[in-house]
Amino acid sequence: MSILGYPFGWIMWAIYQVVNNYGIALILFTVFFRLILFPLSIKQQKSSAKMQVFQPKIEEIQKKYANNKEKQQEELMKLYESHGYNPMGGCLPSIIQLVLLFGVIYVVYDPLTHILRLPSETITALTDIVTAQLGNQGVYNQLAVISAIQNPDQIGWFSSISSDIISQIQNFDYTLFGIYLGSIPTWNSLLVIIPILSGLTSFLTSFISMKMTPGMNQQSGMMKGMMYGMPLFSLFIAFSVPVGVAVYWIAGNLLAIVQTVVLNKFYSPARYKAEYEEQVRKVEEQKKAEREERRKRNGGKKLPEEIEEEKEAAAEAKRRAPATPDAEKAAEAYMTSKE
């Protein structure tokens, strides 16, 4: 988090120097982060569309060779190689986005480090005071420090800290449109709208993504569970952390919705799917034509791989059928008809 956080931290610091407001800097930084990830999102969109094309073929092979894992893997590798398909291709963008997200969290939750640029020993002394008074706040320790120092009832906790440091933190504009981002929302305050918006935008993000991604709205179980579970989790957590955290989530959710709409308009999964289906069709037609040409050169006789495929099909049919004389005769009749 530290290695990734410091480069992003300088960007957040530069934005704050221009706008001189943490809330606006946070939103602009979120926009910047989404723009960085946009090429990876396009790649993931393409990979998802390609998976829609190959999944039926993969399932067909898995079903056909359900009891022969070695043959199953062999056939899957042939499928991947013949069409240049990498089933892990969609994982890399997700992994990169997840790794970068840790750096972003480090920046957003540590403004004393990345915006005010206080020495690490000073930050440790400040967070120790907050921990002694409120308990360990985890990743929100620095936000809790700012909130406490800007609170007239809690400023007395920091009598051992230099007045210059206290003044610097007191003058830190930790607001957004007049909302103090260090406040903890409660059900009986106007700030209740922030957690509600956090949960609502989280739900809309999942709902729109599922509706616009082919096949996802057919998913059940885990996907639908996440669509309802994550917003509730976001709503619950937003009542126990500073408002600034929920604002960051809301901004990220709204930008994710915009990104989903843009991706589906200009980088349509349906279009990619049609392109991949056409590519697969051309490859299969070419393979069929090559086999026909080889068969002609072989005097019209079956090719060795065709004989092998028929033997495998007969063996598979025999294996699946009940072990009866009639089943064995049926398998022999099948091979005779092919010969």
Protein backbone atom coordinates (compact mmCIF):
# COMPACT_ATOMS: atom_id res chain seq x y z
CA MET A 1 0.00 0.00 0.00
CA SER A 2 2.84 2.35 0.82
CA ILE A 3 4.68 1.73 -2.48
CA LEU A 4 1.51 2.32 -4.50
CA GLY A 5 0.20 5.05 -2.23
CA TYR A 6 3.05 7.53 -2.50
CA PRO A 7 2.83 8.09 -6.29
CA PHE A 8 -0.94 8.55 -5.97
CA GLY A 9 -0.32 10.69 -2.89
CA TRP A 10 1.67 13.23 -4.88
CA ILE A 11 -1.20 13.43 -7.37
CA MET A 12 -3.72 13.99 -4.55
CA TRP A 13 -1.42 16.62 -3.04
CA ALA A 14 -1.12 18.43 -6.39
CA ILE A 15 -4.90 18.47 -6.83
CA TYR A 16 -5.37 19.84 -3.30
CA GLN A 17 -2.87 22.64 -3.96
CA VAL A 18 -5.08 23.79 -6.85
CA VAL A 19 -8.54 23.49 -5.24
CA ASN A 20 -7.51 23.86 -1.56
CA ASN A 21 -10.46 21.70 -0.48
CA TYR A 22 -10.22 18.06 0.53
CA GLY A 23 -13.74 17.12 -0.60
CA ILE A 24 -13.33 18.48 -4.12
CA ALA A 25 -9.77 17.09 -4.33
CA LEU A 26 -11.15 13.67 -3.32
CA ILE A 27 -13.75 13.70 -6.12
CA LEU A 28 -11.23 14.89 -8.74
CA PHE A 29 -8.78 12.23 -7.58
CA THR A 30 -11.48 9.57 -7.92
CA VAL A 31 -12.13 10.75 -11.50
CA PHE A 32 -8.39 10.56 -12.21
CA PHE A 33 -8.20 7.03 -10.82
CA ARG A 34 -11.15 5.88 -12.95
CA LEU A 35 -9.50 7.32 -16.07
CA ILE A 36 -6.33 5.35 -15.28
CA LEU A 37 -8.35 2.15 -15.01
CA PHE A 38 -10.46 2.76 -18.13
CA PRO A 39 -8.15 0.87 -20.57
CA LEU A 40 -8.15 -2.10 -18.18
CA SER A 41 -11.95 -1.95 -18.05
CA ILE A 42 -12.10 -2.11 -21.86
CA LYS A 43 -9.83 -5.16 -21.83
CA GLN A 44 -12.02 -6.80 -19.20
CA GLN A 45 -15.12 -6.01 -21.28
CA LYS A 46 -13.58 -7.76 -24.30
CA SER A 47 -12.54 -10.75 -22.20
CA SER A 48 -16.06 -11.05 -20.78
CA ALA A 49 -17.55 -11.04 -24.30
CA LYS A 50 -15.07 -13.68 -25.44
CA MET A 51 -15.98 -15.85 -22.45
CA GLN A 52 -19.63 -15.66 -23.54
CA VAL A 53 -18.60 -17.21 -26.88
CA PHE A 54 -16.36 -19.95 -25.55
CA GLN A 55 -18.24 -20.96 -22.40
CA PRO A 56 -20.74 -23.26 -24.24
CA LYS A 57 -17.85 -25.00 -26.03
CA ILE A 58 -15.96 -25.38 -22.75
CA GLU A 59 -19.02 -26.83 -21.01
CA GLU A 60 -19.59 -29.24 -23.92
CA ILE A 61 -16.05 -30.61 -23.58
CA GLN A 62 -16.31 -30.79 -19.79
CA LYS A 63 -19.56 -32.74 -20.04
CA LYS A 64 -18.30 -35.03 -22.80
CA TYR A 65 -15.15 -35.99 -20.88
CA ALA A 66 -16.50 -35.62 -17.34
CA ASN A 67 -14.88 -38.90 -16.25
CA ASN A 68 -11.65 -38.49 -18.17
CA LYS A 69 -9.93 -35.40 -16.78
CA GLU A 70 -6.75 -35.94 -18.78
CA LYS A 71 -8.64 -36.07 -22.07
CA GLN A 72 -10.79 -33.13 -20.94
CA GLN A 73 -7.72 -30.96 -20.38
CA GLU A 74 -6.24 -32.08 -23.68
CA GLU A 75 -9.36 -31.08 -25.60
CA LEU A 76 -9.64 -27.78 -23.76
CA MET A 77 -6.04 -26.94 -24.64
CA LYS A 78 -6.75 -27.75 -28.28
CA LEU A 79 -9.74 -25.41 -28.16
CA TYR A 80 -7.72 -22.59 -26.61
CA GLU A 81 -4.79 -23.00 -29.00
CA SER A 82 -6.88 -23.27 -32.16
CA HIS A 83 -8.72 -20.02 -31.38
CA GLY A 84 -5.98 -18.13 -29.52
CA TYR A 85 -8.16 -17.95 -26.41
CA ASN A 86 -6.73 -17.41 -22.93
CA PRO A 87 -9.32 -18.24 -20.21
CA MET A 88 -7.25 -16.30 -17.67
CA GLY A 89 -7.16 -13.17 -19.85
CA GLY A 90 -9.93 -11.48 -17.89
CA CYS A 91 -8.21 -12.03 -14.53
CA LEU A 92 -5.20 -9.77 -15.08
CA PRO A 93 -7.18 -6.49 -15.38
CA SER A 94 -9.13 -7.39 -12.23
CA ILE A 95 -5.93 -8.16 -10.32
CA ILE A 96 -4.28 -4.91 -11.45
CA GLN A 97 -7.37 -2.88 -10.47
CA LEU A 98 -7.45 -4.54 -7.05
CA VAL A 99 -3.74 -3.86 -6.44
CA LEU A 100 -4.11 -0.20 -7.48
CA LEU A 101 -7.15 0.15 -5.24
CA PHE A 102 -5.02 -0.58 -2.17
CA GLY A 103 -2.82 2.39 -3.11
CA VAL A 104 -5.88 4.62 -3.54
CA ILE A 105 -7.24 3.64 -0.11
CA TYR A 106 -3.88 4.51 1.41
CA VAL A 107 -4.10 8.02 -0.09
CA VAL A 108 -7.76 8.71 0.68
CA TYR A 109 -7.58 7.64 4.32
CA ASP A 110 -4.19 9.23 5.12
CA PRO A 111 -4.38 12.97 4.34
CA LEU A 112 -1.87 13.82 7.10
CA THR A 113 0.72 11.81 5.18
CA HIS A 114 -0.16 12.70 1.60
CA ILE A 115 -1.65 16.21 1.71
CA LEU A 116 -0.30 17.93 4.83
CA ARG A 117 2.97 15.96 4.50
CA LEU A 118 3.58 15.74 8.26
CA PRO A 119 6.59 13.77 9.55
CA SER A 120 5.84 10.13 10.35
CA GLU A 121 6.82 10.54 14.03
CA THR A 122 4.36 13.44 14.39
CA ILE A 123 1.58 11.37 12.79
CA THR A 124 2.36 8.49 15.16
CA ALA A 125 2.11 10.82 18.17
CA LEU A 126 -1.24 12.19 16.92
CA THR A 127 -2.75 8.78 16.21
CA ASP A 128 -1.55 7.47 19.59
CA ILE A 129 -3.56 10.23 21.28
CA VAL A 130 -6.68 9.39 19.29
CA THR A 131 -6.24 5.69 19.99
CA ALA A 132 -5.94 6.39 23.72
CA GLN A 133 -9.16 8.42 23.68
CA LEU A 134 -11.31 6.58 21.13
CA GLY A 135 -9.64 3.24 20.61
CA ASN A 136 -7.82 2.14 17.47
CA GLN A 137 -9.68 3.46 14.41
CA GLY A 138 -7.74 1.28 11.97
CA VAL A 139 -7.39 2.79 8.50
CA TYR A 140 -9.41 5.81 9.70
CA ASN A 141 -6.89 6.90 12.36
CA GLN A 142 -5.67 9.96 10.46
CA LEU A 143 -9.21 11.03 9.59
CA ALA A 144 -10.09 10.68 13.29
CA VAL A 145 -7.13 12.93 14.20
CA ILE A 146 -8.36 15.69 11.86
CA SER A 147 -11.91 15.36 13.16
CA ALA A 148 -10.76 15.55 16.80
CA ILE A 149 -8.44 18.56 16.32
CA GLN A 150 -11.16 20.47 14.45
CA ASN A 151 -13.64 19.68 17.25
CA PRO A 152 -13.58 22.31 20.04
CA ASP A 153 -14.56 19.65 22.60
CA GLN A 154 -11.63 17.36 21.71
CA ILE A 155 -8.81 19.76 20.84
CA GLY A 156 -7.64 19.61 24.46
CA TRP A 157 -6.44 16.04 23.93
CA PHE A 158 -3.50 17.36 21.88
CA SER A 159 -1.86 19.73 24.39
CA SER A 160 1.47 17.94 23.94
CA ILE A 161 1.57 18.62 20.20
CA SER A 162 3.28 21.67 18.65
CA SER A 163 0.94 24.63 18.08
CA ASP A 164 2.22 24.90 14.51
CA ILE A 165 1.07 21.35 13.77
CA ILE A 166 -2.28 21.96 15.47
CA SER A 167 -2.79 25.17 13.46
CA GLN A 168 -1.91 23.42 10.22
CA ILE A 169 -4.50 20.69 10.83
CA GLN A 170 -7.14 23.18 12.03
CA ASN A 171 -6.76 25.18 8.81
CA PHE A 172 -7.07 22.03 6.68
CA ASP A 173 -10.32 22.43 4.67
CA TYR A 174 -11.96 19.11 5.35
CA THR A 175 -15.37 19.97 3.87
CA LEU A 176 -17.45 19.44 0.75
CA PHE A 177 -20.17 21.93 -0.14
CA GLY A 178 -20.34 22.97 3.51
CA ILE A 179 -20.47 19.39 4.86
CA TYR A 180 -17.75 18.60 7.40
CA LEU A 181 -16.27 15.31 6.20
CA GLY A 182 -15.00 14.32 9.64
CA SER A 183 -18.48 13.92 11.11
CA ILE A 184 -19.92 10.49 11.92
CA PRO A 185 -23.50 10.29 10.53
CA THR A 186 -26.42 9.26 12.74
CA TRP A 187 -30.04 8.37 11.99
CA ASN A 188 -31.35 11.54 13.64
CA SER A 189 -29.18 13.99 11.69
CA LEU A 190 -29.29 15.41 8.17
CA LEU A 191 -26.09 13.50 7.44
CA VAL A 192 -28.16 10.31 7.29
CA ILE A 193 -28.57 11.03 3.56
CA ILE A 194 -24.85 10.26 2.99
CA PRO A 195 -24.92 6.58 4.08
CA ILE A 196 -28.25 6.13 2.26
CA LEU A 197 -26.72 7.51 -0.95
CA SER A 198 -23.71 5.26 -0.42
CA GLY A 199 -25.92 2.15 -0.25
CA LEU A 200 -28.20 3.30 -3.07
CA THR A 201 -25.39 4.10 -5.50
CA SER A 202 -23.72 0.79 -4.64
CA PHE A 203 -26.94 -1.04 -5.54
CA LEU A 204 -27.36 0.94 -8.78
CA THR A 205 -23.77 0.17 -9.77
CA SER A 206 -24.34 -3.59 -9.45
CA PHE A 207 -27.84 -3.47 -10.97
CA ILE A 208 -26.81 -1.50 -14.07
CA SER A 209 -23.69 -3.62 -14.55
CA MET A 210 -25.74 -6.84 -14.45
CA LYS A 211 -28.36 -5.46 -16.84
CA MET A 212 -25.79 -4.25 -19.37
CA THR A 213 -23.45 -7.25 -19.29
CA PRO A 214 -24.64 -10.20 -21.42
CA GLY A 215 -25.27 -13.29 -19.34
CA MET A 216 -24.78 -11.62 -15.95
CA ASN A 217 -28.49 -11.06 -15.44
CA GLN A 218 -28.89 -14.82 -15.87
CA GLN A 219 -26.54 -15.48 -12.97
CA SER A 220 -28.02 -16.55 -9.68
CA GLY A 221 -26.75 -17.13 -6.19
CA MET A 222 -23.49 -15.31 -5.53
CA MET A 223 -23.89 -12.49 -8.10
CA LYS A 224 -27.41 -11.59 -7.00
CA GLY A 225 -26.40 -12.00 -3.38
CA MET A 226 -23.62 -9.46 -3.89
CA MET A 227 -25.99 -7.06 -5.65
CA TYR A 228 -28.11 -6.83 -2.50
CA GLY A 229 -25.47 -7.65 0.12
CA MET A 230 -22.81 -5.08 -0.80
CA PRO A 231 -25.17 -2.05 -0.62
CA LEU A 232 -26.36 -3.14 2.83
CA PHE A 233 -22.76 -3.59 3.93
CA SER A 234 -21.89 -0.14 2.55
CA LEU A 235 -24.88 1.39 4.37
CA PHE A 236 -23.89 -0.24 7.66
CA ILE A 237 -20.22 0.75 7.49
CA ALA A 238 -21.04 4.34 6.44
CA PHE A 239 -22.66 4.90 9.86
CA SER A 240 -19.43 4.06 11.68
CA VAL A 241 -16.84 6.01 9.65
CA PRO A 242 -16.31 9.72 8.83
CA VAL A 243 -18.60 11.14 6.14
CA GLY A 244 -15.56 11.64 3.89
CA VAL A 245 -15.22 7.87 3.46
CA ALA A 246 -18.83 7.51 2.29
CA VAL A 247 -18.40 10.49 -0.05
CA TYR A 248 -15.46 8.70 -1.66
CA TRP A 249 -17.63 5.57 -2.08
CA ILE A 250 -20.50 7.60 -3.58
CA ALA A 251 -18.19 9.35 -6.04
CA GLY A 252 -16.64 6.01 -7.03
CA ASN A 253 -20.06 4.39 -7.49
CA LEU A 254 -21.40 7.23 -9.65
CA LEU A 255 -18.28 7.16 -11.82
CA ALA A 256 -18.57 3.36 -12.10
CA ILE A 257 -22.13 3.78 -13.39
CA VAL A 258 -20.99 6.36 -15.97
CA GLN A 259 -18.12 4.06 -16.97
CA THR A 260 -20.48 1.10 -17.41
CA VAL A 261 -22.81 3.13 -19.66
CA VAL A 262 -19.89 4.48 -21.74
CA LEU A 263 -18.32 1.04 -22.09
CA ASN A 264 -21.57 -0.51 -23.26
CA LYS A 265 -22.26 2.30 -25.72
CA PHE A 266 -18.84 2.52 -27.35
CA TYR A 267 -17.38 -0.87 -26.47
CA SER A 268 -20.52 -3.01 -26.65
CA PRO A 269 -20.13 -6.59 -25.35
CA ALA A 270 -22.72 -7.67 -27.94
CA ARG A 271 -20.53 -6.28 -30.72
CA TYR A 272 -17.41 -7.98 -29.36
CA LYS A 273 -19.33 -11.21 -28.95
CA ALA A 274 -20.48 -11.08 -32.59
CA GLU A 275 -16.90 -10.40 -33.72
CA TYR A 276 -15.52 -13.33 -31.72
CA GLU A 277 -18.28 -15.64 -32.95
CA GLU A 278 -17.38 -14.70 -36.53
CA GLN A 279 -13.69 -15.36 -35.82
CA VAL A 280 -14.53 -18.76 -34.32
CA ARG A 281 -16.73 -19.61 -37.32
CA LYS A 282 -13.94 -18.74 -39.77
CA VAL A 283 -11.37 -20.82 -37.86
CA GLU A 284 -13.71 -23.81 -37.74
CA GLU A 285 -14.54 -23.49 -41.44
CA GLN A 286 -10.85 -23.33 -42.27
CA LYS A 287 -10.15 -26.43 -40.18
CA LYS A 288 -13.03 -28.22 -41.91
CA ALA A 289 -11.74 -27.23 -45.37
CA GLU A 290 -8.22 -28.39 -44.50
CA ARG A 291 -9.57 -31.75 -43.31
CA GLU A 292 -11.59 -32.17 -46.51
CA GLU A 293 -8.48 -31.43 -48.59
CA ARG A 294 -6.42 -33.96 -46.63
CA ARG A 295 -9.19 -36.54 -47.05
CA LYS A 296 -9.12 -36.03 -50.84
CA ARG A 297 -5.38 -36.55 -50.89
CA ASN A 298 -5.98 -39.71 -48.85
CA GLY A 299 -8.17 -41.15 -51.57
CA GLY A 300 -11.42 -40.30 -49.80
CA LYS A 301 -10.58 -42.53 -46.87
CA LYS A 302 -11.00 -41.48 -43.29
CA LEU A 303 -8.10 -39.69 -41.68
CA PRO A 304 -6.33 -41.27 -38.67
CA GLU A 305 -7.66 -38.58 -36.31
CA GLU A 306 -11.23 -39.18 -37.54
CA ILE A 307 -10.93 -42.90 -36.81
CA GLU A 308 -9.50 -42.08 -33.39
CA GLU A 309 -12.35 -39.63 -32.67
CA GLU A 310 -14.94 -42.28 -33.61
CA LYS A 311 -13.28 -44.84 -31.38
CA GLU A 312 -13.29 -42.37 -28.49
CA ALA A 313 -16.97 -41.56 -29.12
CA ALA A 314 -17.86 -45.27 -29.14
CA ALA A 315 -15.85 -45.92 -25.99
CA GLU A 316 -17.52 -42.96 -24.28
CA ALA A 317 -20.97 -44.19 -25.35
CA LYS A 318 -20.18 -47.67 -24.05
CA ARG A 319 -18.90 -46.27 -20.79
CA ARG A 320 -22.03 -44.15 -20.26
CA ALA A 321 -24.46 -46.95 -21.17
CA PRO A 322 -25.47 -49.66 -18.66
CA ALA A 323 -23.22 -52.72 -18.80
CA THR A 324 -25.63 -55.03 -20.70
CA PRO A 325 -25.19 -57.23 -23.80
CA ASP A 326 -27.57 -54.92 -25.70
CA ALA A 327 -25.39 -51.91 -24.91
CA GLU A 328 -22.26 -53.71 -26.13
CA LYS A 329 -24.05 -54.70 -29.34
CA ALA A 330 -25.16 -51.10 -29.82
CA ALA A 331 -21.57 -49.88 -29.48
CA GLU A 332 -20.34 -52.53 -31.95
CA ALA A 333 -23.14 -51.59 -34.36
CA TYR A 334 -22.10 -47.95 -34.07
CA MET A 335 -18.49 -48.76 -35.01
CA THR A 336 -19.62 -51.03 -37.88
CA SER A 337 -21.81 -48.28 -39.32
CA LYS A 338 -18.91 -45.84 -39.20
CA GLU A 339 -16.63 -48.31 -40.97
